[in-house]
Amino acid sequence: MNETSTNKSSQQSQPAAELWVERTGTRRYVGHNSRGATVEVGSADVEGAFTPGELLKVALGACTAMSSDFTLSRRLGDDYAATVRIAGHADREVERYPHLEETYELDLSGLDPAMRERLLDMVRRSVDKACTVGRTLEAGTEIELGFETGSDTESGSGTATDPSAT
């Protein structure tokens, strides 16, 4: 078993972190995970907070970087510098990002051109294979919105039950 498959099997055996978002004010929220991390979320005019769209783009960039970390550190050393910049404007008529662009900034000047191209191909393959966020965005995903309302007539599907229909 190679190191990559060992890492994957240990990641799969760990329970997924619980995630939640709590309202702290008008269009202000704090995102949490069960490991104790937090992130401030708000509209674009809220200082010190990410917008949900920015978090989506940051998640994509972080996933790209993390998916290629092992490949790059093996060739460049553990202390290599990397930045992934993510851009894309929302289409407000349909409320979605039709195009996102990532730019991976790496100093590969110490490599000969052939090795540089081989390494970039390996990075692309690593990202294509292992970046769950990018793969999900490319394929699309189903999203189910349920509600917990504190009443006995809750519906997980988001549709209300008409009590007079019985």
Protein backbone atom coordinates (compact mmCIF):
# COMPACT_ATOMS: atom_id res chain seq x y z
CA MET A 1 0.00 0.00 0.00
CA ASN A 2 1.47 3.37 -0.94
CA GLU A 3 1.46 6.48 1.22
CA THR A 4 -1.40 8.09 -0.74
CA SER A 5 -3.76 5.14 -0.20
CA THR A 6 -2.73 4.94 3.48
CA ASN A 7 -3.63 8.62 3.90
CA LYS A 8 -6.96 8.13 2.10
CA SER A 9 -7.97 5.13 4.22
CA SER A 10 -7.15 6.96 7.47
CA GLN A 11 -9.13 10.00 6.29
CA GLN A 12 -12.13 7.83 5.42
CA SER A 13 -12.15 6.15 8.84
CA GLN A 14 -12.43 9.46 10.69
CA PRO A 15 -16.00 10.65 11.30
CA ALA A 16 -17.03 13.73 9.34
CA ALA A 17 -16.98 16.95 11.32
CA GLU A 18 -20.33 18.38 12.28
CA LEU A 19 -20.84 21.77 10.62
CA TRP A 20 -23.25 24.56 11.51
CA VAL A 21 -23.79 28.27 11.00
CA GLU A 22 -25.24 30.54 13.70
CA ARG A 23 -26.73 33.98 13.20
CA THR A 24 -24.95 36.74 15.13
CA GLY A 25 -26.65 39.80 13.58
CA THR A 26 -28.24 41.14 10.43
CA ARG A 27 -26.63 39.20 7.56
CA ARG A 28 -23.84 38.13 9.95
CA TYR A 29 -23.09 34.53 10.84
CA VAL A 30 -20.36 32.41 12.34
CA GLY A 31 -19.60 29.03 10.81
CA HIS A 32 -18.39 26.29 13.14
CA ASN A 33 -17.07 22.76 12.95
CA SER A 34 -16.95 20.19 15.71
CA ARG A 35 -13.13 20.49 15.84
CA GLY A 36 -13.45 24.03 17.22
CA ALA A 37 -12.75 26.10 14.09
CA THR A 38 -14.83 29.18 13.30
CA VAL A 39 -15.18 31.53 10.34
CA GLU A 40 -16.98 34.87 10.16
CA VAL A 41 -19.54 35.06 7.35
CA GLY A 42 -21.45 38.11 6.20
CA SER A 43 -22.39 40.31 3.31
CA ALA A 44 -19.68 42.12 1.34
CA ASP A 45 -20.00 45.24 3.51
CA VAL A 46 -19.17 43.37 6.75
CA GLU A 47 -15.56 44.03 7.74
CA GLY A 48 -13.58 40.94 8.73
CA ALA A 49 -16.04 38.45 7.26
CA PHE A 50 -16.09 36.25 4.18
CA THR A 51 -19.14 36.22 1.93
CA PRO A 52 -20.55 32.75 1.20
CA GLY A 53 -19.30 33.07 -2.39
CA GLU A 54 -15.80 33.93 -1.18
CA LEU A 55 -15.84 30.85 1.06
CA LEU A 56 -16.84 28.72 -1.90
CA LYS A 57 -13.88 30.06 -3.87
CA VAL A 58 -11.49 29.71 -0.91
CA ALA A 59 -12.65 26.11 -0.44
CA LEU A 60 -11.89 25.41 -4.10
CA GLY A 61 -8.42 26.99 -3.87
CA ALA A 62 -7.60 25.20 -0.62
CA CYS A 63 -8.77 21.87 -2.04
CA THR A 64 -6.62 22.38 -5.14
CA ALA A 65 -3.57 23.18 -3.01
CA MET A 66 -4.15 20.33 -0.56
CA SER A 67 -4.78 17.81 -3.35
CA SER A 68 -1.39 18.56 -4.86
CA ASP A 69 0.57 19.11 -1.65
CA PHE A 70 2.10 15.63 -1.50
CA THR A 71 3.09 15.71 -5.20
CA LEU A 72 4.72 19.13 -4.87
CA SER A 73 6.44 18.56 -1.52
CA ARG A 74 8.05 15.35 -2.83
CA ARG A 75 9.64 17.29 -5.70
CA LEU A 76 10.15 20.75 -4.17
CA GLY A 77 10.66 19.97 -0.48
CA ASP A 78 8.35 20.42 2.50
CA ASP A 79 8.93 24.17 2.71
CA TYR A 80 7.86 25.09 -0.84
CA ALA A 81 5.81 28.28 -1.19
CA ALA A 82 2.48 28.19 -2.98
CA THR A 83 -0.52 30.45 -3.44
CA VAL A 84 -3.73 29.62 -5.25
CA ARG A 85 -5.70 32.66 -6.38
CA ILE A 86 -9.35 32.21 -7.27
CA ALA A 87 -11.47 34.61 -9.29
CA GLY A 88 -14.95 34.61 -10.73
CA HIS A 89 -17.87 36.99 -10.75
CA ALA A 90 -21.41 36.02 -9.89
CA ASP A 91 -24.10 36.29 -12.54
CA ARG A 92 -26.76 38.05 -10.46
CA GLU A 93 -29.54 37.29 -12.96
CA VAL A 94 -29.26 33.57 -12.18
CA GLU A 95 -27.42 33.87 -8.81
CA ARG A 96 -24.54 31.54 -9.64
CA TYR A 97 -20.88 31.61 -10.60
CA PRO A 98 -20.75 30.60 -14.27
CA HIS A 99 -16.95 30.51 -14.39
CA LEU A 100 -14.26 30.24 -11.73
CA GLU A 101 -10.58 30.63 -12.52
CA GLU A 102 -7.73 29.37 -10.39
CA THR A 103 -4.13 30.52 -10.72
CA TYR A 104 -1.58 28.36 -8.94
CA GLU A 105 1.54 30.41 -8.11
CA LEU A 106 4.63 28.24 -7.70
CA ASP A 107 8.32 28.95 -8.07
CA LEU A 108 9.51 26.25 -10.45
CA SER A 109 12.45 28.26 -11.78
CA GLY A 110 14.93 25.69 -10.42
CA LEU A 111 13.52 22.96 -12.66
CA ASP A 112 14.40 22.36 -16.28
CA PRO A 113 11.50 22.91 -18.74
CA ALA A 114 10.80 19.19 -19.25
CA MET A 115 10.67 18.50 -15.50
CA ARG A 116 8.52 21.59 -14.95
CA GLU A 117 5.96 20.31 -17.48
CA ARG A 118 6.00 16.80 -15.99
CA LEU A 119 5.44 18.23 -12.52
CA LEU A 120 2.58 20.47 -13.68
CA ASP A 121 0.95 17.46 -15.38
CA MET A 122 1.26 15.49 -12.13
CA VAL A 123 -0.29 18.41 -10.21
CA ARG A 124 -3.21 18.57 -12.67
CA ARG A 125 -3.78 14.81 -12.32
CA SER A 126 -3.61 15.03 -8.50
CA VAL A 127 -6.14 17.86 -8.44
CA ASP A 128 -8.43 16.18 -10.99
CA LYS A 129 -8.38 12.96 -8.96
CA ALA A 130 -8.48 14.21 -5.38
CA CYS A 131 -10.04 17.70 -5.16
CA THR A 132 -13.51 16.87 -3.88
CA VAL A 133 -14.65 20.50 -3.98
CA GLY A 134 -13.61 20.99 -7.60
CA ARG A 135 -15.06 17.64 -8.66
CA THR A 136 -18.35 18.49 -6.94
CA LEU A 137 -18.56 21.93 -8.54
CA GLU A 138 -17.83 20.50 -11.98
CA ALA A 139 -20.39 17.70 -11.68
CA GLY A 140 -23.04 19.59 -9.72
CA THR A 141 -24.70 18.18 -6.62
CA GLU A 142 -28.14 17.68 -5.16
CA ILE A 143 -28.95 19.84 -2.16
CA GLU A 144 -31.75 19.04 0.23
CA LEU A 145 -33.09 21.74 2.54
CA GLY A 146 -34.90 20.48 5.61
CA PHE A 147 -36.28 22.38 8.60
CA GLU A 148 -36.37 21.89 12.35
CA THR A 149 -39.04 24.24 13.62
CA GLY A 150 -39.71 23.04 17.14
CA SER A 151 -43.25 21.97 16.20
CA ASP A 152 -44.74 18.50 15.76
CA THR A 153 -45.51 19.11 12.06
CA GLU A 154 -41.91 19.29 10.87
CA SER A 155 -41.05 18.15 7.39
CA GLY A 156 -37.56 17.12 6.30
CA SER A 157 -38.42 17.74 2.66
CA GLY A 158 -39.21 21.40 3.14
CA THR A 159 -42.89 20.96 2.22
CA ALA A 160 -45.55 21.76 4.77
CA THR A 161 -48.08 19.14 5.81
CA ASP A 162 -51.71 20.32 5.73
CA PRO A 163 -53.28 19.03 9.00
CA SER A 164 -56.80 19.63 7.59
CA ALA A 165 -56.17 17.06 4.84
CA THR A 166 -56.53 14.12 7.28
